[in-house]
Protein backbone atom coordinates (compact mmCIF):
# COMPACT_ATOMS: atom_id res chain seq x y z
CA MET A 1 -5.37 -5.62 9.13
CA PRO A 2 -5.28 -3.50 5.95
CA ALA A 3 -6.56 0.06 6.08
CA LEU A 4 -9.77 0.98 4.30
CA LYS A 5 -9.15 2.43 0.84
CA ALA A 6 -11.88 4.92 -0.02
CA PRO A 7 -12.74 5.78 -3.66
CA PRO A 8 -11.69 9.27 -4.86
CA PHE A 9 -15.11 10.94 -4.47
CA LEU A 10 -15.41 9.61 -0.92
CA GLN A 11 -11.89 10.77 -0.11
CA ARG A 12 -12.90 14.29 -1.11
CA LEU A 13 -15.87 14.11 1.26
CA LEU A 14 -13.68 12.80 4.07
CA ARG A 15 -11.23 15.67 3.56
CA ALA A 16 -13.97 18.32 3.73
CA GLY A 17 -12.83 21.16 5.99
CA VAL A 18 -9.23 19.90 6.18
CA GLN A 19 -6.70 22.72 5.77
CA ALA A 20 -3.06 22.65 4.74
CA GLN A 21 -1.88 24.10 8.06
CA ASP A 22 -3.64 21.40 10.14
CA ASP A 23 -1.35 19.07 12.03
CA GLU A 24 -1.72 15.32 11.58
CA GLU A 25 -3.86 14.84 14.71
CA LEU A 26 -6.33 17.59 13.76
CA ARG A 27 -6.45 16.36 10.18
CA LEU A 28 -7.29 12.86 11.40
CA GLY A 29 -9.95 14.19 13.82
CA LYS A 30 -11.75 16.07 11.05
CA THR A 31 -11.58 13.09 8.70
CA LEU A 32 -12.94 10.69 11.31
CA LEU A 33 -15.86 12.96 12.21
CA ASN A 34 -16.67 13.35 8.50
CA LEU A 35 -16.55 9.57 8.12
CA GLY A 36 -18.75 9.08 11.18
CA SER A 37 -21.30 11.55 9.80
CA LEU A 38 -21.48 9.74 6.46
CA LEU A 39 -21.73 6.31 8.10
CA PHE A 40 -24.48 7.56 10.41
CA ALA A 41 -26.51 8.92 7.48
CA LEU A 42 -26.10 5.70 5.49
CA ALA A 43 -27.02 3.53 8.49
CA ALA A 44 -30.09 5.69 9.20
CA LEU A 45 -31.21 5.35 5.58
CA ALA A 46 -30.75 1.58 5.78
CA TRP A 47 -32.86 1.44 8.96
CA LEU A 48 -35.59 3.60 7.40
CA GLY A 49 -35.60 1.40 4.30
CA VAL A 50 -36.19 -1.72 6.38
CA CYS A 51 -38.89 0.00 8.46
CA LYS A 52 -40.68 1.22 5.32
CA ALA A 53 -40.57 -2.27 3.83
CA VAL A 54 -42.15 -3.75 6.97
CA ASP A 55 -44.64 -0.92 7.59
CA ALA A 56 -45.86 0.85 4.43
CA GLY A 57 -47.27 3.68 6.55
CA PHE A 58 -44.00 4.36 8.35
CA PRO A 59 -43.47 8.18 8.54
CA VAL A 60 -40.13 8.52 6.79
CA LEU A 61 -39.91 12.32 6.63
CA PRO A 62 -39.76 12.98 10.42
CA ALA A 63 -37.12 10.28 10.79
CA LEU A 64 -35.07 11.81 7.96
CA ALA A 65 -34.76 15.16 9.74
CA VAL A 66 -31.63 14.42 11.80
CA PRO A 67 -29.67 12.54 9.06
CA THR A 68 -30.46 15.40 6.67
CA LEU A 69 -29.19 17.96 9.18
CA VAL A 70 -26.03 15.90 9.71
CA LEU A 71 -25.25 15.90 5.99
CA ALA A 72 -26.12 19.60 5.69
CA ASN A 73 -23.76 20.43 8.56
CA LEU A 74 -21.00 18.47 6.80
CA VAL A 75 -21.53 20.43 3.57
CA LEU A 76 -21.49 23.74 5.48
CA PHE A 77 -18.30 22.74 7.28
CA ALA A 78 -16.56 22.29 3.92
CA GLY A 79 -17.20 26.01 3.41
CA HIS A 80 -16.66 27.69 6.80
CA ARG A 81 -14.10 25.17 8.18
CA TRP A 82 -14.90 26.10 11.79
CA PHE A 83 -14.21 22.71 13.32
CA ALA A 84 -15.29 23.48 16.90
CA LEU A 85 -18.74 24.59 15.74
CA TYR A 86 -19.07 21.70 13.30
CA ARG A 87 -18.06 19.16 15.93
CA PHE A 88 -20.46 20.52 18.55
CA ILE A 89 -23.45 20.52 16.17
CA GLN A 90 -22.62 17.12 14.72
CA LEU A 91 -22.21 15.41 18.09
CA GLY A 92 -25.38 17.08 19.34
CA LEU A 93 -27.35 15.76 16.35
CA LEU A 94 -25.99 12.24 16.84
CA LEU A 95 -26.94 12.38 20.51
CA ALA A 96 -30.43 13.77 19.83
CA PHE A 97 -31.30 11.37 17.01
CA PRO A 98 -32.87 8.55 19.10
CA VAL A 99 -35.15 10.73 21.24
CA ALA A 100 -36.00 13.15 18.41
CA THR A 101 -36.94 10.28 16.12
CA GLN A 102 -39.07 8.54 18.74
CA LEU A 103 -40.88 11.80 19.49
CA GLY A 104 -41.36 12.47 15.78
CA ILE A 105 -42.75 9.13 14.64
CA GLY A 106 -44.26 7.75 17.83
CA ALA A 107 -44.44 4.14 18.96
CA ARG A 108 -43.95 2.24 15.71
CA PRO A 109 -42.23 -1.03 14.89
CA GLY A 110 -38.51 -0.52 14.56
CA THR A 111 -38.11 2.17 17.21
CA SER A 112 -37.11 -0.08 20.10
CA GLY A 113 -33.35 -0.04 20.43
CA LEU A 114 -32.99 3.43 18.91
CA ALA A 115 -31.29 4.60 22.11
CA LEU A 116 -28.19 2.66 21.06
CA TRP A 117 -27.60 5.17 18.26
CA GLY A 118 -26.75 7.83 20.84
CA LEU A 119 -23.53 5.93 21.58
CA LEU A 120 -22.17 7.27 18.29
CA ALA A 121 -21.82 10.75 19.85
CA PRO A 122 -19.32 9.98 22.68
CA ALA A 123 -17.51 7.51 20.41
CA ALA A 124 -17.09 10.19 17.74
CA ALA A 125 -15.95 12.68 20.41
CA LEU A 126 -13.20 10.26 21.44
CA LEU A 127 -12.12 9.47 17.89
CA CYS A 128 -11.87 13.09 16.79
CA GLY A 129 -9.50 13.97 19.63
CA ARG A 130 -11.81 15.20 22.41
CA VAL A 131 -10.83 12.79 25.19
CA ALA A 132 -11.51 15.30 27.98
CA GLY A 133 -14.88 16.40 26.59
CA SER A 134 -16.10 12.94 25.57
CA GLY A 135 -17.29 12.24 29.14
CA ARG A 136 -20.01 14.88 28.85
CA TRP A 137 -21.27 13.33 25.65
CA PHE A 138 -21.32 9.90 27.29
CA VAL A 139 -23.37 11.27 30.19
CA GLY A 140 -25.69 12.75 27.58
CA PHE A 141 -25.98 9.32 25.99
CA LEU A 142 -26.95 7.78 29.34
CA LEU A 143 -29.56 10.48 29.96
CA GLY A 144 -30.90 10.06 26.43
CA THR A 145 -31.15 6.32 26.95
CA ALA A 146 -33.13 6.85 30.15
CA LEU A 147 -35.44 9.32 28.38
CA SER A 148 -35.87 6.98 25.43
CA ALA A 149 -36.85 4.16 27.78
CA SER A 150 -39.60 6.35 29.27
CA LEU A 151 -41.25 7.01 25.90
CA PRO A 152 -44.09 4.81 24.58
CA ARG A 153 -42.92 1.66 22.84
CA PRO A 154 -44.71 -0.51 20.30
CA ASP A 155 -46.27 -3.70 21.57
CA GLY A 156 -44.69 -6.96 20.54
CA GLU A 157 -41.57 -5.39 19.07
CA ALA A 158 -39.66 -8.00 17.08
CA GLY A 159 -36.18 -8.86 18.28
CA ALA A 160 -35.01 -8.56 14.68
CA PHE A 161 -35.36 -4.77 14.86
CA ILE A 162 -33.22 -4.59 17.98
CA ALA A 163 -30.64 -6.77 16.23
CA LEU A 164 -30.80 -4.39 13.26
CA HIS A 165 -30.00 -1.41 15.47
CA VAL A 166 -27.09 -3.26 17.05
CA ALA A 167 -25.76 -4.33 13.64
CA LEU A 168 -25.98 -0.85 12.11
CA VAL A 169 -24.44 1.01 15.05
CA SER A 170 -21.68 -1.54 15.59
CA SER A 171 -20.88 -1.52 11.85
CA ALA A 172 -20.53 2.27 11.88
CA LEU A 173 -18.28 2.12 14.94
CA TYR A 174 -16.19 -0.72 13.51
CA LEU A 175 -15.59 1.07 10.20
CA GLN A 176 -14.59 4.26 12.02
CA LEU A 177 -12.20 2.40 14.30
CA ARG A 178 -10.70 0.45 11.41
CA TYR A 179 -10.16 3.60 9.38
CA ALA A 180 -8.62 5.35 12.39
CA GLN A 181 -6.29 2.44 13.06
CA GLY A 182 -5.18 2.39 9.43
CA ARG A 183 -4.47 6.11 9.42
CA ARG A 184 -2.60 5.97 12.72
CA GLY A 185 -0.63 2.97 11.41
CA ARG A 186 0.49 4.99 8.40
CA THR A 187 1.39 7.88 10.71
CA ARG A 188 3.50 5.54 12.85
CA GLU A 189 5.26 4.28 9.71
CA LYS A 190 6.02 7.85 8.62
CA LEU A 191 7.28 8.65 12.12
CA ALA A 192 9.49 5.54 12.18
CA ASP A 193 10.89 6.46 8.77
CA ALA A 194 11.55 10.02 9.95
CA HIS A 195 13.37 8.68 13.03
CA HIS A 196 15.41 6.37 10.80
CA GLN A 197 16.38 9.26 8.52
CA LEU A 198 17.24 11.35 11.58
CA ARG A 199 19.49 8.56 12.88
CA LEU A 200 21.23 8.32 9.51
CA GLU A 201 21.78 12.08 9.42
CA LYS A 202 23.11 12.02 12.97
CA GLU A 203 25.54 9.22 12.13
CA ARG A 204 26.60 11.06 8.97
CA SER A 205 27.22 14.29 10.88
CA GLU A 206 29.16 12.42 13.58
CA ARG A 207 31.36 10.77 10.94
CA LEU A 208 31.97 14.18 9.38
CA LEU A 209 32.83 15.64 12.79
CA LEU A 210 35.28 12.79 13.48
CA ASN A 211 36.92 13.44 10.13
CA ILE A 212 37.61 17.01 11.24
CA LEU A 213 38.32 16.65 14.97
CA PRO A 214 39.82 14.03 17.30
CA ALA A 215 37.21 11.79 18.92
CA PRO A 216 37.65 13.16 22.51
CA ILE A 217 37.33 16.76 21.26
CA ALA A 218 34.31 15.88 19.12
CA ALA A 219 32.62 14.25 22.13
CA ARG A 220 33.26 17.33 24.28
CA LEU A 221 32.05 19.65 21.54
CA LYS A 222 28.71 17.82 21.36
CA ASP A 223 28.22 18.16 25.11
CA ASN A 224 29.47 21.74 25.48
CA SER A 225 28.36 24.73 23.42
CA GLY A 226 31.05 26.99 24.88
CA THR A 227 34.60 27.59 23.72
CA LEU A 228 36.98 24.65 24.19
CA ALA A 229 40.62 25.47 24.84
CA ASP A 230 43.11 23.06 26.46
CA GLY A 231 46.78 23.59 27.14
CA HIS A 232 49.31 20.82 26.33
CA PRO A 233 52.85 21.79 27.36
CA GLU A 234 54.42 18.65 25.91
CA VAL A 235 53.07 17.16 22.72
CA VAL A 236 54.65 15.54 19.70
CA VAL A 237 53.50 16.46 16.19
CA MET A 238 54.17 14.78 12.86
CA PHE A 239 53.52 16.17 9.41
CA ALA A 240 53.85 13.91 6.38
CA ASP A 241 53.30 14.48 2.68
CA ILE A 242 53.89 12.55 -0.53
CA VAL A 243 57.14 13.27 -2.33
CA ASP A 244 56.63 14.83 -5.79
CA TYR A 245 52.86 14.67 -5.34
CA THR A 246 52.09 17.52 -7.77
CA ARG A 247 53.79 15.76 -10.68
CA ILE A 248 52.19 12.41 -9.84
CA ALA A 249 48.68 13.86 -9.49
CA SER A 250 48.91 15.81 -12.75
CA GLY A 251 49.11 12.56 -14.68
CA MET A 252 45.98 11.06 -13.06
CA ALA A 253 42.27 11.72 -13.37
CA PRO A 254 40.91 13.78 -10.42
CA VAL A 255 38.65 10.93 -9.31
CA LYS A 256 41.58 8.51 -9.26
CA VAL A 257 43.65 10.95 -7.20
CA PHE A 258 40.84 11.35 -4.66
CA GLU A 259 40.25 7.59 -4.42
CA MET A 260 43.96 6.89 -3.94
CA LEU A 261 44.35 9.54 -1.22
CA ASN A 262 41.22 8.28 0.51
CA ARG A 263 42.60 4.72 0.64
CA ILE A 264 45.98 5.92 1.89
CA PHE A 265 44.57 8.22 4.57
CA CYS A 266 42.04 5.62 5.76
CA ARG A 267 44.95 3.22 6.25
CA PHE A 268 46.91 5.93 8.08
CA ASP A 269 43.88 6.53 10.34
CA GLU A 270 43.86 2.83 11.27
CA LEU A 271 47.56 3.02 12.13
CA CYS A 272 46.97 6.13 14.27
CA ASP A 273 44.24 4.35 16.23
CA LYS A 274 46.53 1.36 16.70
CA ARG A 275 49.27 3.60 18.17
CA GLY A 276 46.90 5.72 20.29
CA LEU A 277 47.61 8.91 18.32
CA GLU A 278 45.26 11.54 16.93
CA ARG A 279 45.02 12.52 13.30
CA ILE A 280 44.54 16.29 13.37
CA LYS A 281 43.86 17.17 9.75
CA THR A 282 44.62 16.46 6.11
CA ILE A 283 45.44 19.14 3.54
CA GLY A 284 45.77 17.84 0.00
CA ASP A 285 48.40 15.12 0.28
CA GLY A 286 49.49 16.39 3.72
CA TYR A 287 48.71 14.35 6.83
CA MET A 288 49.11 15.81 10.34
CA VAL A 289 49.19 13.73 13.53
CA ALA A 290 49.56 14.71 17.20
CA GLY A 291 50.48 12.65 20.23
CA GLY A 292 50.45 13.32 23.95
CA LEU A 293 47.01 14.90 23.93
CA ASN A 294 45.42 12.01 25.77
CA ALA A 295 48.48 10.10 27.03
CA HIS A 296 51.88 10.69 28.63
CA PRO A 297 54.22 12.65 26.32
CA HIS A 298 57.11 10.18 26.62
CA GLU A 299 54.85 7.36 25.42
CA ALA A 300 53.70 9.50 22.48
CA HIS A 301 57.27 10.00 21.22
CA ALA A 302 57.84 6.27 20.82
CA ALA A 303 54.38 5.78 19.32
CA MET A 304 54.96 8.58 16.79
CA ALA A 305 58.27 7.08 15.64
CA ALA A 306 56.60 3.69 15.25
CA LEU A 307 53.76 5.31 13.29
CA ALA A 308 56.22 6.90 10.86
CA LEU A 309 57.69 3.47 10.11
CA ASP A 310 54.19 1.96 9.79
CA MET A 311 53.12 4.64 7.29
CA GLN A 312 56.19 4.07 5.13
CA ALA A 313 55.55 0.33 5.17
CA ALA A 314 51.91 0.88 4.20
CA LEU A 315 52.93 2.80 1.05
CA ARG A 316 55.02 -0.13 -0.08
CA ASP A 317 51.72 -2.02 -0.52
CA HIS A 318 50.85 -0.99 -4.07
CA SER A 319 47.17 -1.92 -3.60
CA PHE A 320 46.83 1.40 -1.78
CA THR A 321 48.68 3.40 -4.42
CA ASP A 322 47.23 2.16 -7.73
CA GLY A 323 50.54 0.47 -8.47
CA LEU A 324 52.55 3.68 -8.05
CA THR A 325 55.76 3.81 -6.04
CA LEU A 326 55.22 6.57 -3.49
CA GLN A 327 57.50 7.96 -0.83
CA LEU A 328 56.71 10.02 2.24
CA ARG A 329 58.44 13.12 3.53
CA ILE A 330 58.01 13.03 7.32
CA GLY A 331 58.84 15.57 9.98
CA ILE A 332 58.40 15.02 13.74
CA ALA A 333 58.67 17.71 16.39
């Protein structure tokens, strides 16, 4: 279901009292109470218009008192921005409207069913974030309904008026709920996008960490904020670099040099993983590998020798070297 799209002037009214430092939940609560106030005033005017059309002598002014106060409170809230006070007055006016109107205009056609309007108060309390306090407003609605039922009622009240009250109140509630659902849907979309971006950043940082440290060390570093220091009495280390690299690189564009080294080192990383060895670091064209950190030292010696042969064979594939013939200088200790 698409969210309601309010015109610009109405959006300004809905944002009345909203401040930049408000969190999303408070911002939504203020907007929904503003919307409920406007819908209540419009629905009350529609009801009064129908009553005046049916009964030319219908006393409009007393019935206009509460809707006028609701709109005045909204305008004042845009200035003082004291939400707790605004909410209390607004909910109180919504709750008092049925009884106050019946007392003000007496038993006239169109007043039966007015008690239903009091339901707007606890509903608005729920929608604007007052779950705990909404129960008191609902009890107030029940008491107001009982009081309204005890007041004089017009004889022969037409069922059409009761249907009118139901239609107006339910329309106001539906529009509030639809607007709230649309806003919360957009908030969920923003939250999902933020989580997605957070996941991407986490994956990017983990890839960066794995480019700097061996995977077992990186995993321990993420789980331990203290200093990590392990002793390895028997390890085998290999350092390899490209023969005559300075001369070769000077004849290439910097981007081409970087792309070539990236392809070569990515291939070397694959060979390290295949042999169970750990790439420690790269410096320029230098490539450093260690073995025996996570396996038996005697197995690492054989794996390191095999890796040296694999790396030399990889450089004979000119697709990694932009067609250049490259040689490695390798030292193992």
